[in-house]
């Protein structure tokens, strides 16, 4: 499977520890394409339908469902966890994700 930046994929996140997001859920790839092609791990942010007013959550709509991209829960996954591609993030939301990441790592 080709894994691309701002692609949305279904992936299992268990096992987890503490307050980490778990279960099988949509995840957004945030690592650069070059990284995804050359190493086995991919940096992702889990997506959730639960909306919270956290500064590092980005609102989104995917397949008509409102939710959030949880940039406060980023982690690296081995590419074998990816089950299937669900779609691609729209350009406006991708720009908000990029801006939020820049703010996070300022």
N, C-alpha and C. Protein backbone atom coordinates (compact mmCIF):
# COMPACT_ATOMS: atom_id res chain seq x y z
N UNK A 1 0.85 -1.18 0.00
CA UNK A 1 0.00 0.00 0.00
C UNK A 1 0.90 1.24 0.00
N UNK A 2 0.58 2.20 -0.84
CA UNK A 2 1.29 3.48 -0.86
C UNK A 2 0.72 4.35 0.24
N UNK A 3 1.60 4.87 1.08
CA UNK A 3 1.17 5.71 2.19
C UNK A 3 1.62 7.13 1.90
N UNK A 4 0.65 8.07 1.87
CA UNK A 4 0.92 9.44 1.48
C UNK A 4 0.56 10.44 2.58
N UNK A 5 1.32 11.53 2.62
CA UNK A 5 1.03 12.61 3.56
C UNK A 5 -0.38 13.13 3.33
N UNK A 6 -1.08 13.36 4.41
CA UNK A 6 -2.46 13.82 4.46
C UNK A 6 -3.45 12.78 3.95
N UNK A 7 -2.97 11.54 3.78
CA UNK A 7 -3.87 10.43 3.51
C UNK A 7 -4.51 10.00 4.81
N UNK A 8 -5.74 9.50 4.72
CA UNK A 8 -6.47 9.00 5.88
C UNK A 8 -6.56 7.49 5.72
N UNK A 9 -6.13 6.77 6.76
CA UNK A 9 -6.08 5.31 6.72
C UNK A 9 -6.72 4.75 7.98
N UNK A 10 -7.20 3.52 7.88
CA UNK A 10 -7.73 2.82 9.04
C UNK A 10 -6.58 2.03 9.64
N UNK A 11 -6.37 2.18 10.97
CA UNK A 11 -5.27 1.49 11.63
C UNK A 11 -5.62 1.17 13.08
N UNK A 12 -5.22 0.01 13.57
CA UNK A 12 -5.41 -0.31 14.99
C UNK A 12 -4.33 0.36 15.83
N UNK A 13 -4.73 0.99 16.92
CA UNK A 13 -3.78 1.71 17.77
C UNK A 13 -3.49 0.98 19.08
N UNK A 14 -4.15 -0.13 19.31
CA UNK A 14 -3.89 -0.90 20.53
C UNK A 14 -2.65 -1.77 20.35
N UNK A 15 -1.90 -2.05 21.38
CA UNK A 15 -2.15 -1.71 22.78
C UNK A 15 -1.77 -0.26 23.09
N UNK A 16 -2.40 0.26 24.10
CA UNK A 16 -2.13 1.63 24.53
C UNK A 16 -1.74 1.63 26.01
N UNK A 17 -1.26 2.77 26.46
CA UNK A 17 -0.92 2.97 27.87
C UNK A 17 -1.55 4.29 28.30
N UNK A 18 -2.12 4.33 29.49
CA UNK A 18 -2.67 5.57 30.03
C UNK A 18 -3.78 6.15 29.17
N UNK A 19 -3.64 7.42 28.82
CA UNK A 19 -4.70 8.13 28.11
C UNK A 19 -4.51 8.13 26.59
N UNK A 20 -3.60 7.30 26.07
CA UNK A 20 -3.41 7.23 24.62
C UNK A 20 -4.69 6.75 23.94
N UNK A 21 -4.98 7.31 22.76
CA UNK A 21 -6.14 6.87 21.99
C UNK A 21 -5.91 5.45 21.50
N UNK A 22 -6.92 4.64 21.62
CA UNK A 22 -6.82 3.25 21.21
C UNK A 22 -7.84 2.88 20.16
N UNK A 23 -8.06 1.61 20.03
CA UNK A 23 -8.96 0.91 19.10
C UNK A 23 -8.57 1.17 17.65
N UNK A 24 -9.29 0.53 16.75
CA UNK A 24 -9.06 0.73 15.33
C UNK A 24 -9.84 1.97 14.91
N UNK A 25 -9.13 2.92 14.30
CA UNK A 25 -9.76 4.20 13.97
C UNK A 25 -9.06 4.82 12.77
N UNK A 26 -9.66 5.83 12.17
CA UNK A 26 -8.97 6.57 11.11
C UNK A 26 -7.79 7.33 11.69
N UNK A 27 -6.71 7.36 10.93
CA UNK A 27 -5.52 8.13 11.31
C UNK A 27 -5.10 8.97 10.11
N UNK A 28 -4.53 10.12 10.41
CA UNK A 28 -4.03 11.02 9.37
C UNK A 28 -2.51 10.92 9.33
N UNK A 29 -1.95 10.65 8.15
CA UNK A 29 -0.50 10.61 8.00
C UNK A 29 0.01 12.04 7.95
N UNK A 30 0.97 12.36 8.82
CA UNK A 30 1.55 13.70 8.82
C UNK A 30 3.04 13.69 8.50
N UNK A 31 3.63 12.50 8.37
CA UNK A 31 5.05 12.44 7.99
C UNK A 31 5.19 12.71 6.50
N UNK A 32 6.33 13.27 6.08
CA UNK A 32 6.56 13.56 4.67
C UNK A 32 6.56 12.28 3.83
N UNK A 33 6.19 12.38 2.57
CA UNK A 33 6.16 11.22 1.68
C UNK A 33 7.51 10.52 1.62
N UNK A 34 8.59 11.29 1.58
CA UNK A 34 9.92 10.69 1.50
C UNK A 34 10.20 9.79 2.70
N UNK A 35 9.78 10.23 3.88
CA UNK A 35 9.97 9.42 5.08
C UNK A 35 9.13 8.15 5.00
N UNK A 36 7.89 8.28 4.54
CA UNK A 36 7.00 7.12 4.45
C UNK A 36 7.51 6.09 3.45
N UNK A 37 8.27 6.54 2.45
CA UNK A 37 8.83 5.62 1.45
C UNK A 37 10.11 4.94 1.93
N UNK A 38 10.84 5.56 2.86
CA UNK A 38 12.17 5.06 3.19
C UNK A 38 12.29 4.36 4.54
N UNK A 39 11.39 4.60 5.46
CA UNK A 39 11.45 3.92 6.76
C UNK A 39 10.14 3.18 7.01
N UNK A 40 10.17 2.23 7.92
CA UNK A 40 8.98 1.41 8.16
C UNK A 40 7.94 2.10 9.04
N UNK A 41 8.35 3.16 9.72
CA UNK A 41 7.39 3.84 10.59
C UNK A 41 6.85 5.10 9.91
N UNK A 42 5.62 5.40 10.24
CA UNK A 42 4.91 6.53 9.67
C UNK A 42 4.36 7.36 10.83
N UNK A 43 4.54 8.67 10.80
CA UNK A 43 4.02 9.53 11.86
C UNK A 43 2.56 9.84 11.55
N UNK A 44 1.71 9.60 12.52
CA UNK A 44 0.27 9.79 12.33
C UNK A 44 -0.31 10.63 13.46
N UNK A 45 -1.52 11.13 13.21
CA UNK A 45 -2.34 11.72 14.26
C UNK A 45 -3.69 11.00 14.19
N UNK A 46 -4.15 10.44 15.30
CA UNK A 46 -5.44 9.77 15.29
C UNK A 46 -6.58 10.76 15.06
N UNK A 47 -7.66 10.25 14.51
CA UNK A 47 -8.85 11.06 14.28
C UNK A 47 -9.95 10.55 15.20
N UNK A 48 -10.79 11.47 15.65
CA UNK A 48 -11.84 11.10 16.59
C UNK A 48 -13.12 11.86 16.28
N UNK A 49 -14.23 11.23 16.59
CA UNK A 49 -15.52 11.92 16.43
C UNK A 49 -15.87 12.71 17.69
N UNK A 50 -15.13 12.48 18.78
CA UNK A 50 -15.33 13.24 20.02
C UNK A 50 -14.63 14.58 19.88
N UNK A 51 -15.38 15.65 20.06
CA UNK A 51 -14.82 16.99 19.89
C UNK A 51 -14.52 17.60 21.25
N UNK A 52 -13.28 18.09 21.39
CA UNK A 52 -12.85 18.75 22.62
C UNK A 52 -12.22 20.07 22.25
N UNK A 53 -12.27 21.03 23.17
CA UNK A 53 -11.68 22.34 22.93
C UNK A 53 -10.23 22.34 23.38
N UNK A 54 -9.41 21.55 22.72
CA UNK A 54 -7.98 21.52 22.98
C UNK A 54 -7.30 22.33 21.89
N UNK A 55 -6.24 23.06 22.22
CA UNK A 55 -5.60 23.92 21.22
C UNK A 55 -4.94 23.16 20.07
N UNK A 56 -4.63 21.88 20.28
CA UNK A 56 -3.94 21.13 19.22
C UNK A 56 -4.83 20.06 18.62
N UNK A 57 -6.12 20.34 18.58
CA UNK A 57 -7.09 19.51 17.87
C UNK A 57 -7.61 20.33 16.69
N UNK A 58 -7.64 19.74 15.52
CA UNK A 58 -8.08 20.44 14.31
C UNK A 58 -9.42 19.84 13.89
N UNK A 59 -10.44 20.68 13.79
CA UNK A 59 -11.75 20.21 13.34
C UNK A 59 -11.68 19.78 11.89
N UNK A 60 -12.45 18.74 11.56
CA UNK A 60 -12.48 18.25 10.19
C UNK A 60 -13.83 17.61 9.89
N UNK A 61 -14.08 17.43 8.61
CA UNK A 61 -15.25 16.68 8.15
C UNK A 61 -14.73 15.66 7.14
N UNK A 62 -14.98 14.39 7.43
CA UNK A 62 -14.55 13.31 6.55
C UNK A 62 -15.76 12.43 6.27
N UNK A 63 -16.06 12.25 5.00
CA UNK A 63 -17.24 11.47 4.59
C UNK A 63 -18.52 11.95 5.27
N UNK A 64 -18.65 13.27 5.42
CA UNK A 64 -19.84 13.85 6.01
C UNK A 64 -19.90 13.78 7.52
N UNK A 65 -18.88 13.22 8.15
CA UNK A 65 -18.86 13.10 9.62
C UNK A 65 -17.91 14.13 10.20
N UNK A 66 -18.40 14.89 11.20
CA UNK A 66 -17.57 15.87 11.87
C UNK A 66 -16.71 15.20 12.92
N UNK A 67 -15.50 15.70 13.09
CA UNK A 67 -14.61 15.16 14.09
C UNK A 67 -13.41 16.05 14.27
N UNK A 68 -12.36 15.47 14.82
CA UNK A 68 -11.13 16.22 15.05
C UNK A 68 -9.91 15.35 14.75
N UNK A 69 -8.84 16.03 14.37
CA UNK A 69 -7.54 15.40 14.22
C UNK A 69 -6.79 15.73 15.50
N UNK A 70 -6.36 14.70 16.22
CA UNK A 70 -5.77 14.87 17.54
C UNK A 70 -4.25 14.98 17.43
N UNK A 71 -3.77 16.20 17.17
CA UNK A 71 -2.33 16.41 17.05
C UNK A 71 -1.62 16.27 18.39
N UNK A 72 -2.35 16.31 19.49
CA UNK A 72 -1.77 16.06 20.81
C UNK A 72 -1.55 14.57 21.07
N UNK A 73 -1.95 13.72 20.12
CA UNK A 73 -1.81 12.28 20.28
C UNK A 73 -0.95 11.66 19.17
N UNK A 74 -0.10 12.48 18.52
CA UNK A 74 0.74 11.98 17.43
C UNK A 74 1.61 10.84 17.91
N UNK A 75 1.88 9.92 16.98
CA UNK A 75 2.83 8.85 17.27
C UNK A 75 3.27 8.18 15.98
N UNK A 76 4.29 7.35 16.09
CA UNK A 76 4.77 6.62 14.92
C UNK A 76 4.16 5.22 14.95
N UNK A 77 3.71 4.78 13.78
CA UNK A 77 3.17 3.42 13.63
C UNK A 77 4.00 2.69 12.58
N UNK A 78 4.19 1.40 12.79
CA UNK A 78 4.78 0.58 11.75
C UNK A 78 3.75 0.48 10.62
N UNK A 79 4.23 0.52 9.40
CA UNK A 79 3.31 0.52 8.25
C UNK A 79 2.46 -0.75 8.16
N UNK A 80 2.85 -1.84 8.83
CA UNK A 80 2.04 -3.06 8.79
C UNK A 80 0.70 -2.88 9.51
N UNK A 81 0.57 -1.85 10.35
CA UNK A 81 -0.70 -1.60 11.04
C UNK A 81 -1.79 -1.05 10.10
N UNK A 82 -1.40 -0.47 8.98
CA UNK A 82 -2.38 0.17 8.10
C UNK A 82 -3.24 -0.89 7.42
N UNK A 83 -4.56 -0.78 7.60
CA UNK A 83 -5.50 -1.76 7.05
C UNK A 83 -5.90 -1.38 5.64
N UNK A 84 -6.37 -0.13 5.49
CA UNK A 84 -6.78 0.33 4.15
C UNK A 84 -6.84 1.85 4.13
N UNK A 85 -6.78 2.38 2.92
CA UNK A 85 -6.89 3.83 2.71
C UNK A 85 -8.36 4.22 2.72
N UNK A 86 -8.67 5.30 3.43
CA UNK A 86 -10.05 5.79 3.51
C UNK A 86 -10.27 7.03 2.67
N UNK A 87 -9.21 7.77 2.36
CA UNK A 87 -9.36 9.00 1.59
C UNK A 87 -8.19 9.93 1.81
N UNK A 88 -8.41 11.19 1.46
CA UNK A 88 -7.39 12.22 1.60
C UNK A 88 -8.02 13.44 2.26
N UNK A 89 -7.26 14.10 3.08
CA UNK A 89 -7.72 15.31 3.75
C UNK A 89 -7.84 16.44 2.73
N UNK A 90 -8.87 17.26 2.83
CA UNK A 90 -9.02 18.39 1.90
C UNK A 90 -7.92 19.43 2.16
N UNK A 91 -7.65 20.25 1.15
CA UNK A 91 -6.52 21.19 1.21
C UNK A 91 -6.65 22.22 2.32
N UNK A 92 -7.84 22.71 2.57
CA UNK A 92 -8.02 23.72 3.61
C UNK A 92 -7.72 23.14 5.00
N UNK A 93 -8.20 21.94 5.26
CA UNK A 93 -7.92 21.31 6.55
C UNK A 93 -6.46 20.93 6.66
N UNK A 94 -5.85 20.47 5.56
CA UNK A 94 -4.42 20.15 5.56
C UNK A 94 -3.60 21.39 5.91
N UNK A 95 -4.01 22.54 5.40
CA UNK A 95 -3.31 23.80 5.71
C UNK A 95 -3.45 24.13 7.19
N UNK A 96 -4.63 23.88 7.79
CA UNK A 96 -4.82 24.13 9.22
C UNK A 96 -3.96 23.17 10.06
N UNK A 97 -3.85 21.92 9.61
CA UNK A 97 -3.00 20.95 10.30
C UNK A 97 -1.55 21.43 10.27
N UNK A 98 -1.08 21.85 9.09
CA UNK A 98 0.30 22.33 8.95
C UNK A 98 0.56 23.54 9.84
N UNK A 99 -0.37 24.47 9.87
CA UNK A 99 -0.21 25.68 10.71
C UNK A 99 -0.22 25.31 12.19
N UNK A 100 -1.06 24.38 12.57
CA UNK A 100 -1.13 23.96 13.99
C UNK A 100 0.15 23.24 14.40
N UNK A 101 0.69 22.41 13.51
CA UNK A 101 1.96 21.74 13.79
C UNK A 101 3.09 22.75 13.94
N UNK A 102 3.10 23.77 13.06
CA UNK A 102 4.13 24.81 13.16
C UNK A 102 4.03 25.53 14.50
N UNK A 103 2.82 25.81 14.94
CA UNK A 103 2.62 26.47 16.24
C UNK A 103 3.06 25.54 17.38
N UNK A 104 2.75 24.28 17.26
CA UNK A 104 3.09 23.30 18.30
C UNK A 104 4.60 23.20 18.49
N UNK A 105 5.36 23.24 17.40
CA UNK A 105 6.80 23.04 17.48
C UNK A 105 7.60 24.32 17.40
N UNK A 106 6.95 25.44 17.63
CA UNK A 106 7.61 26.75 17.60
C UNK A 106 8.69 26.88 18.63
